[in-house]
N, C-alpha and C. Protein backbone atom coordinates (compact mmCIF):
# COMPACT_ATOMS: atom_id res chain seq x y z
N PRO A 1 45.67 171.09 27.01
CA PRO A 1 46.34 170.79 28.33
C PRO A 1 47.34 169.83 28.06
N ALA A 2 48.41 169.72 29.19
CA ALA A 2 49.48 168.97 29.39
C ALA A 2 48.79 167.68 29.52
N MET A 3 47.88 167.54 30.57
CA MET A 3 47.55 166.33 31.10
C MET A 3 45.80 166.51 31.15
N VAL A 4 45.35 165.51 31.52
CA VAL A 4 43.95 165.68 31.79
C VAL A 4 43.43 164.50 32.75
N ALA A 5 42.96 164.86 33.77
CA ALA A 5 42.65 163.89 34.71
C ALA A 5 40.98 163.87 35.19
N GLY A 6 40.55 162.76 35.53
CA GLY A 6 39.22 162.42 35.91
C GLY A 6 39.08 161.59 37.17
N VAL A 7 37.97 162.21 37.92
CA VAL A 7 37.63 161.16 39.12
C VAL A 7 36.03 160.93 39.12
N LEU A 8 35.73 159.76 39.52
CA LEU A 8 34.55 159.51 39.62
C LEU A 8 34.16 158.97 41.00
N ASP A 9 34.01 159.54 41.92
CA ASP A 9 33.82 159.32 43.21
C ASP A 9 32.47 158.58 43.54
N TRP A 10 32.38 157.36 44.11
CA TRP A 10 31.55 156.67 44.35
C TRP A 10 31.10 156.63 45.63
N GLY A 11 31.47 157.36 46.50
CA GLY A 11 31.24 157.41 47.84
C GLY A 11 32.16 156.16 48.76
N GLY A 12 33.34 156.23 49.07
CA GLY A 12 34.04 155.33 49.83
C GLY A 12 35.40 154.91 49.29
N TYR A 13 34.99 154.81 47.77
CA TYR A 13 36.08 154.63 46.27
C TYR A 13 35.90 155.80 45.22
N ALA A 14 36.81 155.66 44.64
CA ALA A 14 36.84 156.46 43.40
C ALA A 14 37.88 155.75 42.40
N ASP A 15 36.94 155.85 41.11
CA ASP A 15 37.79 155.67 39.77
C ASP A 15 38.58 156.68 39.08
N VAL A 16 39.59 156.62 39.00
CA VAL A 16 40.42 157.69 38.57
C VAL A 16 41.45 157.53 37.56
N VAL A 17 41.32 158.12 36.44
CA VAL A 17 41.92 158.11 34.90
C VAL A 17 42.97 159.62 34.83
N ILE A 18 43.95 159.12 34.75
CA ILE A 18 44.89 160.45 34.07
C ILE A 18 45.49 160.01 32.75
N LEU A 19 45.11 160.95 31.84
CA LEU A 19 45.75 161.12 30.42
C LEU A 19 47.04 161.75 30.62
N HIS A 20 48.05 161.17 30.47
CA HIS A 20 49.69 161.99 30.85
C HIS A 20 49.84 162.47 29.06
N ASP A 21 49.47 161.83 27.92
CA ASP A 21 49.84 162.45 26.61
C ASP A 21 48.85 161.39 25.71
N GLU A 22 49.20 161.44 24.45
CA GLU A 22 48.36 160.70 23.45
C GLU A 22 49.04 159.03 23.58
N GLN A 23 50.09 158.71 24.19
CA GLN A 23 51.00 157.43 24.45
C GLN A 23 50.82 156.64 25.46
N TYR A 24 50.20 157.66 26.75
CA TYR A 24 50.21 156.99 27.93
C TYR A 24 49.16 157.44 28.90
N ALA A 25 48.67 156.34 29.68
CA ALA A 25 47.49 156.61 30.49
C ALA A 25 47.66 156.04 31.53
N VAL A 26 47.03 156.37 32.70
CA VAL A 26 46.73 155.52 34.14
C VAL A 26 45.51 155.38 34.64
N ALA A 27 45.11 154.26 34.85
CA ALA A 27 43.67 154.44 35.79
C ALA A 27 44.22 153.47 36.79
N TYR A 28 42.77 153.87 37.86
CA TYR A 28 42.96 152.84 39.39
C TYR A 28 41.66 153.35 39.98
N ARG A 29 41.35 152.35 40.92
CA ARG A 29 40.31 152.41 42.02
C ARG A 29 41.32 152.42 43.30
N THR A 30 40.84 153.54 44.02
CA THR A 30 41.40 153.87 45.21
C THR A 30 40.25 154.34 46.32
N PRO A 31 40.49 153.71 47.55
CA PRO A 31 39.50 154.18 48.52
C PRO A 31 39.46 155.52 48.96
N THR A 32 38.51 156.49 49.22
CA THR A 32 38.45 157.63 49.54
C THR A 32 38.14 157.88 51.09
N GLY A 33 38.18 159.16 51.59
CA GLY A 33 38.00 159.52 52.81
C GLY A 33 38.49 161.07 53.00
N PRO A 34 38.62 161.42 54.22
CA PRO A 34 38.68 162.77 54.77
C PRO A 34 40.43 163.15 54.46
N ASP A 35 41.18 162.27 54.65
CA ASP A 35 42.56 162.57 54.52
C ASP A 35 42.98 161.71 53.02
N ALA A 36 42.55 161.36 52.37
CA ALA A 36 42.93 160.37 51.10
C ALA A 36 42.84 161.55 49.96
N ASP A 37 44.11 161.59 49.26
CA ASP A 37 44.28 162.27 47.92
C ASP A 37 44.27 161.37 46.90
N VAL A 38 43.20 161.41 46.26
CA VAL A 38 42.99 160.37 44.97
C VAL A 38 43.86 160.43 44.20
N PHE A 39 44.62 161.63 44.12
CA PHE A 39 45.83 161.92 43.04
C PHE A 39 47.10 161.56 43.43
N ALA A 40 47.23 160.95 44.67
CA ALA A 40 48.56 160.43 45.05
C ALA A 40 48.09 159.17 46.25
N PRO A 41 47.45 158.23 45.65
CA PRO A 41 46.95 157.27 46.25
C PRO A 41 48.03 156.34 46.98
N THR A 42 48.15 155.86 47.85
CA THR A 42 49.11 154.97 48.59
C THR A 42 48.52 153.37 48.54
N VAL A 43 47.61 153.26 48.58
CA VAL A 43 46.75 151.93 48.26
C VAL A 43 45.74 152.05 46.90
N VAL A 44 45.61 150.89 46.33
CA VAL A 44 44.44 150.79 45.41
C VAL A 44 44.11 149.60 45.39
N PHE A 45 42.72 149.22 44.62
CA PHE A 45 42.12 147.99 44.56
C PHE A 45 42.54 147.52 43.19
N TRP A 46 42.62 148.41 42.49
CA TRP A 46 43.26 148.06 40.83
C TRP A 46 43.78 149.23 40.37
N SER A 47 44.82 148.59 39.20
CA SER A 47 45.33 149.87 38.40
C SER A 47 45.77 149.17 37.21
N TYR A 48 45.99 150.40 35.97
CA TYR A 48 46.44 149.93 34.85
C TYR A 48 46.80 150.77 34.13
N ALA A 49 48.02 150.71 33.40
CA ALA A 49 48.68 151.61 32.68
C ALA A 49 48.92 151.17 31.31
N SER A 50 48.85 152.14 30.37
CA SER A 50 48.95 151.45 28.79
C SER A 50 48.66 152.70 28.07
N CYS A 51 48.57 152.62 26.61
CA CYS A 51 47.75 153.78 25.87
C CYS A 51 46.84 154.04 26.36
N PRO A 52 46.19 155.29 25.87
CA PRO A 52 44.82 155.78 26.46
C PRO A 52 43.81 154.85 26.09
N VAL A 53 43.47 154.31 24.84
CA VAL A 53 42.52 153.59 24.56
C VAL A 53 42.18 152.35 25.35
N TRP A 54 43.35 151.66 25.48
CA TRP A 54 43.20 150.12 26.40
C TRP A 54 43.06 150.63 27.62
N THR A 55 43.62 151.94 28.18
CA THR A 55 43.42 152.21 29.84
C THR A 55 42.01 152.63 29.99
N LEU A 56 41.53 153.23 29.20
CA LEU A 56 39.92 153.78 29.46
C LEU A 56 39.23 152.33 29.02
N ARG A 57 39.53 151.66 28.32
CA ARG A 57 38.62 150.27 27.77
C ARG A 57 38.82 149.45 29.07
N ALA A 58 39.89 149.33 29.75
CA ALA A 58 40.00 148.58 30.98
C ALA A 58 39.01 149.34 32.09
N LEU A 59 39.06 150.42 32.35
CA LEU A 59 38.79 151.24 33.54
C LEU A 59 37.20 150.94 33.03
N LEU A 60 36.38 151.34 31.97
CA LEU A 60 35.23 151.22 31.79
C LEU A 60 34.57 149.84 32.00
N THR A 61 35.19 148.77 31.69
CA THR A 61 34.84 147.47 31.89
C THR A 61 35.03 146.69 33.38
N LEU A 62 35.36 147.59 33.98
CA LEU A 62 36.00 147.00 35.52
C LEU A 62 34.48 147.30 36.30
N ALA A 63 34.44 145.84 36.91
CA ALA A 63 32.69 145.73 37.86
C ALA A 63 33.06 146.98 38.77
N PRO A 64 31.55 147.18 38.95
CA PRO A 64 31.62 148.33 40.09
C PRO A 64 32.06 147.60 41.61
N HIS A 65 32.54 148.45 42.51
CA HIS A 65 33.08 148.01 43.82
C HIS A 65 31.71 147.27 44.54
N GLY A 66 31.77 146.39 45.22
CA GLY A 66 31.05 145.38 45.64
C GLY A 66 30.06 144.21 44.80
N HIS A 67 30.74 144.51 43.62
CA HIS A 67 29.92 143.33 42.76
C HIS A 67 31.08 142.23 43.02
N PRO A 68 30.68 140.91 42.94
CA PRO A 68 31.16 139.86 43.08
C PRO A 68 32.81 139.75 42.08
N ASP A 69 32.80 140.44 40.79
CA ASP A 69 33.83 140.43 40.02
C ASP A 69 34.62 141.34 40.13
N ALA A 70 34.31 142.42 41.17
CA ALA A 70 35.23 143.77 41.24
C ALA A 70 36.40 143.35 41.93
N PRO A 71 37.45 144.24 41.78
CA PRO A 71 38.84 144.12 42.76
C PRO A 71 38.28 144.34 44.27
N ALA A 72 38.76 143.52 45.17
CA ALA A 72 38.45 143.91 46.58
C ALA A 72 39.27 143.63 47.43
N THR A 73 40.91 143.54 46.91
CA THR A 73 41.95 143.38 47.77
C THR A 73 42.84 144.62 47.54
N LEU A 74 43.12 145.47 48.74
CA LEU A 74 44.03 146.47 48.53
C LEU A 74 45.46 146.11 48.44
N THR A 75 46.10 146.69 47.71
CA THR A 75 47.49 146.71 47.49
C THR A 75 48.07 148.01 47.35
N ALA A 76 49.61 147.83 47.49
CA ALA A 76 50.22 149.25 47.45
C ALA A 76 50.25 149.59 46.25
N ALA A 77 50.11 150.90 46.16
CA ALA A 77 49.91 151.73 44.90
C ALA A 77 51.56 151.62 44.24
N PRO A 78 51.18 151.19 42.57
CA PRO A 78 52.82 151.04 42.09
C PRO A 78 53.51 152.64 42.07
N ALA A 79 54.48 152.53 41.91
CA ALA A 79 55.08 154.13 41.99
C ALA A 79 54.95 154.76 40.48
N GLY A 80 54.70 156.23 40.75
CA GLY A 80 54.23 156.64 39.66
C GLY A 80 52.91 156.83 38.92
N LEU A 81 51.88 156.20 40.18
CA LEU A 81 50.77 155.94 39.72
C LEU A 81 49.91 157.40 39.47
N GLY A 82 49.88 158.23 40.33
CA GLY A 82 49.27 159.34 40.54
C GLY A 82 49.57 160.58 39.67
N LEU A 83 49.27 161.63 40.13
CA LEU A 83 49.48 162.91 39.21
C LEU A 83 50.32 163.77 40.55
N PRO A 84 51.48 164.06 40.09
CA PRO A 84 52.48 165.13 40.80
C PRO A 84 51.60 166.45 41.21
N THR A 85 51.88 167.04 42.14
CA THR A 85 51.52 168.27 42.67
C THR A 85 51.78 169.54 41.83
N GLU A 86 52.98 169.12 41.07
CA GLU A 86 53.19 170.13 40.22
C GLU A 86 52.47 170.42 38.81
N HIS A 87 51.96 169.34 38.67
CA HIS A 87 51.01 169.31 37.44
C HIS A 87 49.47 169.50 37.59
N ARG A 88 49.22 170.01 38.79
CA ARG A 88 47.72 170.11 39.36
C ARG A 88 47.12 171.36 38.89
N LEU A 89 47.97 172.43 38.68
CA LEU A 89 47.52 173.95 38.35
C LEU A 89 48.00 174.31 37.20
N PRO A 90 47.06 175.23 36.53
CA PRO A 90 45.64 175.60 36.99
C PRO A 90 44.85 174.16 36.64
N VAL A 91 43.58 174.37 37.62
CA VAL A 91 42.52 173.19 37.59
C VAL A 91 41.39 173.84 36.90
N ARG A 92 40.84 172.90 36.24
CA ARG A 92 39.22 173.50 35.52
C ARG A 92 38.69 172.16 36.12
N VAL A 93 37.53 172.44 37.11
CA VAL A 93 36.44 171.37 37.54
C VAL A 93 35.23 171.59 37.08
N ARG A 94 34.73 170.46 36.48
CA ARG A 94 33.38 170.28 35.85
C ARG A 94 32.47 169.65 36.72
N LYS A 95 31.57 169.86 37.51
CA LYS A 95 30.81 168.40 37.83
C LYS A 95 29.40 168.40 37.35
N ARG A 96 28.81 167.35 37.50
CA ARG A 96 27.62 166.86 36.85
C ARG A 96 26.51 166.65 37.92
């Protein structure tokens, strides 16, 4: 695949990771809701972009929402953070 993206929906917010290629990945925590597109966030609680290893490490060590150490302030999403619509199809969905 050209890109791989994953979402963990915690109910009210989601952790998202997008692996663009072997050199670059982004991760962020964003609020969810009926009109929210987790792949095109306008606001985020937290975001990180770097090589895939460091991006995944940053996301996996992020405190859960509601924890005293978790990011709690919404900020505008940085430009280029999400997944462009032209890269969303074909899609393979796997739920556990």
